[in-house]
Amino acid sequence: MSTLPAGRATATEPDAPRPTVTCVFAVTDTPPPDEVVSVTPGHDGGGPLRVLAAGPLHLIVQDVPAADFGEDALTERLNRPEELERCARAHHRGVETAASTGPVVPLPMATLYLDDRNAVRAVTGRADSLRALLDRLRNRTEWAVKVHGPATERASGAAGDGPADGRSYLRRASARRRTEREAREHALAQAHAVDRELRRYAVAATRHRPQSEQLTGRSVPQLLNAAYLVDDGQRAEFVRAVGELARDAHRTAVEVTMSGPWIPYSFARSDAVECDDAQQEVRA
């Protein structure tokens, strides 16, 4: 998130427009039509979305109230879950519109500049790297794959079955922990194998931190939370590979799930994308 101070408003007529700053959603080299952009809902209280030329590149931007998007005001709003969700949805709508006609580099949510001139200057200053990144993302989409392990057995009366003496109980408890540890290690090995296989079909891949059970809403551990950048021409092969891996994993109570295609948020930074040549070596 990039924020700017709201600035000091000068004395104005009561009905004069409020001071604004320029919010940038995304960069593209294939801008969508103005009539499509202008009807996309942006941040509440702002003007219509529009296309701003920056040399060979184009920005999807919106004029937003400086008072509402100043550093303190924005921080306070984004600390409220409902406001954070509202801003995130508006940001995604802008990025999604930019991606409707070609590759897009999404910028961080609430990337703000004092005016259009500053926004254009910031983008043209790194035009070469942005154009290279757009070329890398062209005709490619992101796919998310998650692997969940088998449910971990909770302590139960099983350890109390059989003789009630302390030594026997400890033996059974130790055996149960060993079995659970071996099952988890086996499931982790399967998750790593899934990742290795899917990288053969991707031009880039990255692992995100596994989500907690509180976030997933599931009572089983998440072993892999990965994203893959896949050529659109390889889409069918990638989807088929995931399906085969999911069927194989299901036999051991390991679940493989896939979602996509998505805008490649995970690969929209030059330092977040693995070298294509390195990926070619992995697939060779």
Protein backbone atom coordinates (compact mmCIF):
# COMPACT_ATOMS: atom_id res chain seq x y z
CA MET A 1 0.00 0.00 0.00
CA SER A 2 1.41 3.38 -1.01
CA THR A 3 -0.21 6.41 0.59
CA LEU A 4 0.23 10.16 0.40
CA PRO A 5 -0.63 12.92 2.87
CA ALA A 6 -3.92 14.53 2.07
CA GLY A 7 -2.31 17.91 1.55
CA ARG A 8 -3.57 21.33 2.64
CA ALA A 9 -6.71 22.58 0.95
CA THR A 10 -6.88 26.30 0.10
CA ALA A 11 -9.94 28.41 0.67
CA THR A 12 -12.51 27.50 -1.96
CA GLU A 13 -16.10 28.15 -2.77
CA PRO A 14 -18.52 25.95 -0.79
CA ASP A 15 -19.47 23.99 -3.90
CA ALA A 16 -15.92 23.68 -5.31
CA PRO A 17 -14.67 20.14 -6.02
CA ARG A 18 -12.72 18.46 -3.26
CA PRO A 19 -8.95 18.05 -3.80
CA THR A 20 -8.09 14.65 -5.28
CA VAL A 21 -5.11 12.37 -5.77
CA THR A 22 -4.52 9.80 -8.50
CA CYS A 23 -5.03 6.16 -7.54
CA VAL A 24 -3.38 3.68 -9.92
CA PHE A 25 -4.76 0.16 -10.19
CA ALA A 26 -2.65 -1.47 -12.88
CA VAL A 27 -0.31 -1.05 -15.85
CA THR A 28 -0.96 -2.54 -19.28
CA ASP A 29 0.17 -2.16 -22.88
CA THR A 30 -3.22 -3.20 -24.28
CA PRO A 31 -5.67 -0.70 -22.76
CA PRO A 32 -9.37 -1.61 -22.74
CA PRO A 33 -11.83 0.79 -24.38
CA ASP A 34 -12.63 3.95 -22.45
CA GLU A 35 -16.32 3.09 -22.43
CA VAL A 36 -15.57 -0.20 -20.66
CA VAL A 37 -13.23 1.37 -18.11
CA SER A 38 -15.51 4.28 -17.26
CA VAL A 39 -18.42 2.05 -16.19
CA THR A 40 -16.28 -0.08 -13.85
CA PRO A 41 -17.05 0.80 -10.22
CA GLY A 42 -13.98 2.07 -8.41
CA HIS A 43 -13.39 3.29 -4.86
CA ASP A 44 -16.38 4.89 -3.15
CA GLY A 45 -16.44 8.67 -3.44
CA GLY A 46 -14.04 8.78 -6.39
CA GLY A 47 -14.53 9.67 -10.02
CA PRO A 48 -14.95 7.22 -12.88
CA LEU A 49 -12.07 4.95 -13.78
CA ARG A 50 -10.09 6.11 -16.81
CA VAL A 51 -7.08 5.23 -18.95
CA LEU A 52 -3.96 7.36 -18.53
CA ALA A 53 -1.27 7.10 -21.21
CA ALA A 54 2.35 6.79 -20.09
CA GLY A 55 4.35 6.45 -23.29
CA PRO A 56 3.85 2.94 -24.68
CA LEU A 57 2.17 1.92 -21.44
CA HIS A 58 -1.24 2.76 -20.04
CA LEU A 59 -2.49 3.07 -16.47
CA ILE A 60 -5.95 2.38 -15.14
CA VAL A 61 -6.54 5.19 -12.66
CA GLN A 62 -9.19 6.93 -10.61
CA ASP A 63 -9.35 10.38 -9.03
CA VAL A 64 -10.08 9.80 -5.33
CA PRO A 65 -10.66 12.32 -2.51
CA ALA A 66 -7.36 13.36 -0.97
CA ALA A 67 -8.96 13.69 2.47
CA ASP A 68 -10.21 10.09 2.41
CA PHE A 69 -6.97 8.67 1.04
CA GLY A 70 -4.48 10.55 3.17
CA GLU A 71 -2.13 8.33 5.17
CA ASP A 72 -3.93 8.60 8.51
CA ALA A 73 -7.45 8.39 7.09
CA LEU A 74 -6.63 5.43 4.86
CA THR A 75 -4.80 3.53 7.60
CA GLU A 76 -7.78 3.98 9.91
CA ARG A 77 -10.20 2.75 7.23
CA LEU A 78 -8.14 -0.28 6.27
CA ASN A 79 -7.96 -1.36 9.90
CA ARG A 80 -11.70 -2.02 9.69
CA PRO A 81 -12.35 -5.41 8.04
CA GLU A 82 -15.41 -4.25 6.10
CA GLU A 83 -13.53 -1.24 4.69
CA LEU A 84 -10.52 -3.37 3.83
CA GLU A 85 -12.73 -5.78 1.92
CA ARG A 86 -14.50 -2.93 0.13
CA CYS A 87 -11.19 -1.38 -0.97
CA ALA A 88 -9.78 -4.74 -2.01
CA ARG A 89 -12.84 -5.48 -4.15
CA ALA A 90 -12.64 -2.07 -5.82
CA HIS A 91 -8.94 -2.60 -6.51
CA HIS A 92 -9.55 -6.01 -8.03
CA ARG A 93 -12.30 -4.63 -10.28
CA GLY A 94 -9.84 -2.10 -11.67
CA VAL A 95 -7.17 -4.75 -12.24
CA GLU A 96 -9.69 -7.13 -13.78
CA THR A 97 -10.83 -4.47 -16.23
CA ALA A 98 -7.23 -3.73 -17.19
CA ALA A 99 -6.67 -7.46 -17.82
CA SER A 100 -9.72 -7.83 -20.07
CA THR A 101 -7.73 -7.09 -23.22
CA GLY A 102 -4.21 -8.33 -22.47
CA PRO A 103 -1.46 -8.77 -19.88
CA VAL A 104 -1.50 -6.59 -16.80
CA VAL A 105 0.80 -5.70 -13.93
CA PRO A 106 -1.39 -5.10 -10.85
CA LEU A 107 -0.01 -2.44 -8.54
CA PRO A 108 -0.35 -2.68 -4.75
CA MET A 109 -3.72 -1.66 -3.38
CA ALA A 110 -3.99 2.10 -2.80
CA THR A 111 -1.01 3.12 -4.92
CA LEU A 112 -1.43 6.91 -4.88
CA TYR A 113 0.22 9.88 -6.55
CA LEU A 114 -0.36 13.59 -6.08
CA ASP A 115 -1.53 13.93 -9.69
CA ASP A 116 -1.42 12.33 -13.15
CA ARG A 117 1.96 13.83 -13.95
CA ASN A 118 3.59 12.14 -10.97
CA ALA A 119 1.91 8.84 -11.79
CA VAL A 120 3.15 8.95 -15.39
CA ARG A 121 6.65 9.92 -14.29
CA ALA A 122 6.82 6.98 -11.86
CA VAL A 123 5.78 4.48 -14.53
CA THR A 124 7.90 5.82 -17.39
CA GLY A 125 10.90 5.73 -15.06
CA ARG A 126 10.64 1.93 -14.97
CA ALA A 127 9.05 1.39 -18.37
CA ASP A 128 11.68 -1.11 -19.54
CA SER A 129 11.19 -3.48 -16.61
CA LEU A 130 7.39 -3.14 -16.80
CA ARG A 131 7.35 -3.91 -20.53
CA ALA A 132 9.57 -6.95 -19.97
CA LEU A 133 7.23 -8.15 -17.23
CA LEU A 134 4.16 -7.64 -19.43
CA ASP A 135 5.84 -9.68 -22.16
CA ARG A 136 6.52 -12.44 -19.65
CA LEU A 137 2.90 -12.50 -18.49
CA ARG A 138 1.39 -12.30 -21.97
CA ASN A 139 -0.90 -15.26 -22.81
CA ARG A 140 -0.22 -16.77 -19.39
CA THR A 141 -2.44 -17.14 -16.36
CA GLU A 142 -2.06 -18.12 -12.73
CA TRP A 143 -3.38 -21.38 -11.27
CA ALA A 144 -3.58 -22.08 -7.56
CA VAL A 145 -3.05 -25.59 -6.20
CA LYS A 146 -3.47 -26.59 -2.58
CA VAL A 147 -2.69 -29.89 -0.91
CA HIS A 148 -4.33 -30.87 2.37
CA GLY A 149 -3.13 -33.77 4.45
CA PRO A 150 -5.15 -36.41 6.24
CA ALA A 151 -6.84 -35.44 9.48
CA THR A 152 -4.59 -35.69 12.52
CA GLU A 153 -5.95 -38.10 15.07
CA ARG A 154 -6.81 -36.37 18.29
CA ALA A 155 -5.94 -37.90 21.62
CA SER A 156 -8.72 -40.27 22.55
CA GLY A 157 -9.45 -43.24 24.71
CA ALA A 158 -7.54 -45.43 22.26
CA ALA A 159 -4.42 -44.99 24.33
CA GLY A 160 -6.31 -46.28 27.32
CA ASP A 161 -7.46 -49.49 25.69
CA GLY A 162 -5.82 -52.66 26.98
CA PRO A 163 -3.88 -52.99 30.24
CA ALA A 164 -4.22 -49.99 32.49
CA ASP A 165 -0.64 -49.94 33.87
CA GLY A 166 1.40 -46.79 33.14
CA ARG A 167 4.12 -48.51 31.11
CA SER A 168 1.64 -50.01 28.64
CA TYR A 169 -0.15 -46.70 28.30
CA LEU A 170 3.10 -44.87 27.47
CA ARG A 171 4.02 -47.54 24.89
CA ARG A 172 0.68 -47.13 23.15
CA ALA A 173 0.88 -43.34 23.26
CA SER A 174 4.41 -43.41 21.82
CA ALA A 175 3.34 -45.78 19.05
CA ARG A 176 0.41 -43.54 18.19
CA ARG A 177 2.64 -40.44 17.97
CA ARG A 178 5.10 -42.33 15.78
CA THR A 179 2.31 -43.44 13.45
CA GLU A 180 0.96 -39.90 13.19
CA ARG A 181 4.45 -38.52 12.53
CA GLU A 182 5.09 -41.06 9.78
CA ALA A 183 1.70 -40.32 8.19
CA ARG A 184 2.43 -36.60 8.18
CA GLU A 185 5.91 -37.12 6.71
CA HIS A 186 4.42 -39.29 3.98
CA ALA A 187 1.76 -36.66 3.23
CA LEU A 188 4.41 -33.92 3.07
CA ALA A 189 6.44 -36.03 0.65
CA GLN A 190 3.34 -36.37 -1.52
CA ALA A 191 2.80 -32.60 -1.46
CA HIS A 192 6.41 -32.01 -2.53
CA ALA A 193 5.96 -34.55 -5.33
CA VAL A 194 2.82 -32.74 -6.52
CA ASP A 195 4.76 -29.47 -6.64
CA ARG A 196 7.68 -31.00 -8.52
CA GLU A 197 5.40 -32.56 -11.12
CA LEU A 198 3.34 -29.42 -11.74
CA ARG A 199 6.44 -27.27 -12.21
CA ARG A 200 7.08 -29.31 -15.35
CA TYR A 201 4.01 -27.70 -16.92
CA ALA A 202 4.64 -24.13 -15.70
CA VAL A 203 6.97 -21.36 -16.76
CA ALA A 204 7.20 -20.17 -13.15
CA ALA A 205 6.00 -21.28 -9.74
CA THR A 206 5.97 -19.97 -6.22
CA ARG A 207 4.98 -21.31 -2.83
CA HIS A 208 2.92 -19.24 -0.44
CA ARG A 209 2.80 -19.81 3.30
CA PRO A 210 0.32 -22.61 4.09
CA GLN A 211 -2.91 -21.26 5.50
CA SER A 212 -4.03 -22.09 9.00
CA GLU A 213 -7.05 -24.24 9.71
CA GLN A 214 -8.79 -21.07 10.95
CA LEU A 215 -8.38 -19.48 7.52
CA THR A 216 -9.25 -22.53 5.46
CA GLY A 217 -12.17 -23.48 7.68
CA ARG A 218 -11.03 -27.09 7.51
CA SER A 219 -9.87 -29.46 10.23
CA VAL A 220 -6.96 -30.84 8.22
CA PRO A 221 -3.50 -29.30 7.74
CA GLN A 222 -2.61 -27.49 4.53
CA LEU A 223 0.66 -28.93 3.24
CA LEU A 224 1.07 -26.97 0.00
CA ASN A 225 -0.21 -23.56 -1.08
CA ALA A 226 1.34 -22.92 -4.46
CA ALA A 227 0.77 -20.80 -7.56
CA TYR A 228 1.84 -21.69 -11.09
CA LEU A 229 2.22 -19.43 -14.11
CA VAL A 230 1.05 -21.48 -17.08
CA ASP A 231 1.07 -20.78 -20.81
CA ASP A 232 -2.51 -20.68 -22.01
CA GLY A 233 -1.50 -23.22 -24.65
CA GLN A 234 -0.48 -25.61 -21.85
CA ARG A 235 -3.69 -25.15 -19.89
CA ALA A 236 -5.26 -28.50 -20.83
CA GLU A 237 -2.08 -30.41 -19.98
CA PHE A 238 -1.75 -28.65 -16.63
CA VAL A 239 -5.37 -29.29 -15.66
CA ARG A 240 -5.05 -32.93 -16.71
CA ALA A 241 -1.89 -33.35 -14.61
CA VAL A 242 -3.61 -31.88 -11.54
CA GLY A 243 -6.53 -34.25 -12.02
CA GLU A 244 -4.26 -37.28 -12.19
CA LEU A 245 -2.32 -36.18 -9.12
CA ALA A 246 -5.57 -35.59 -7.22
CA ARG A 247 -6.81 -39.10 -8.02
CA ASP A 248 -3.54 -40.69 -6.94
CA ALA A 249 -3.37 -38.67 -3.72
CA HIS A 250 -6.98 -39.45 -2.80
CA ARG A 251 -6.03 -43.09 -2.23
CA THR A 252 -4.00 -42.03 0.80
CA ALA A 253 -6.51 -39.45 2.12
CA VAL A 254 -4.43 -36.54 0.76
CA GLU A 255 -6.52 -33.97 -1.13
CA VAL A 256 -5.28 -31.93 -4.09
CA THR A 257 -7.45 -28.99 -5.21
CA MET A 258 -7.03 -26.45 -7.98
CA SER A 259 -8.55 -23.07 -8.81
CA GLY A 260 -8.08 -20.69 -11.72
CA PRO A 261 -7.30 -19.30 -14.12
CA TRP A 262 -6.50 -16.09 -12.26
CA ILE A 263 -4.83 -12.80 -13.04
CA PRO A 264 -1.15 -13.54 -12.23
CA TYR A 265 -0.89 -11.48 -9.05
CA SER A 266 1.75 -13.86 -7.68
CA PHE A 267 4.05 -13.20 -10.64
CA ALA A 268 3.52 -9.48 -11.19
CA ARG A 269 6.90 -8.49 -9.72
CA SER A 270 10.17 -9.01 -11.49
CA ASP A 271 11.75 -10.48 -8.35
CA ALA A 272 8.82 -12.89 -7.83
CA VAL A 273 9.05 -14.68 -11.16
CA GLU A 274 11.53 -17.45 -11.61
CA CYS A 275 13.68 -17.29 -14.72
CA ASP A 276 12.06 -18.96 -17.73
CA ASP A 277 15.36 -20.59 -18.64
CA ALA A 278 15.62 -22.17 -15.20
CA GLN A 279 12.09 -23.52 -15.56
CA GLN A 280 12.99 -24.98 -18.95
CA GLU A 281 15.83 -26.88 -17.27
CA VAL A 282 13.44 -28.27 -14.65
CA ARG A 283 11.09 -29.48 -17.38
CA ALA A 284 13.86 -30.97 -19.51
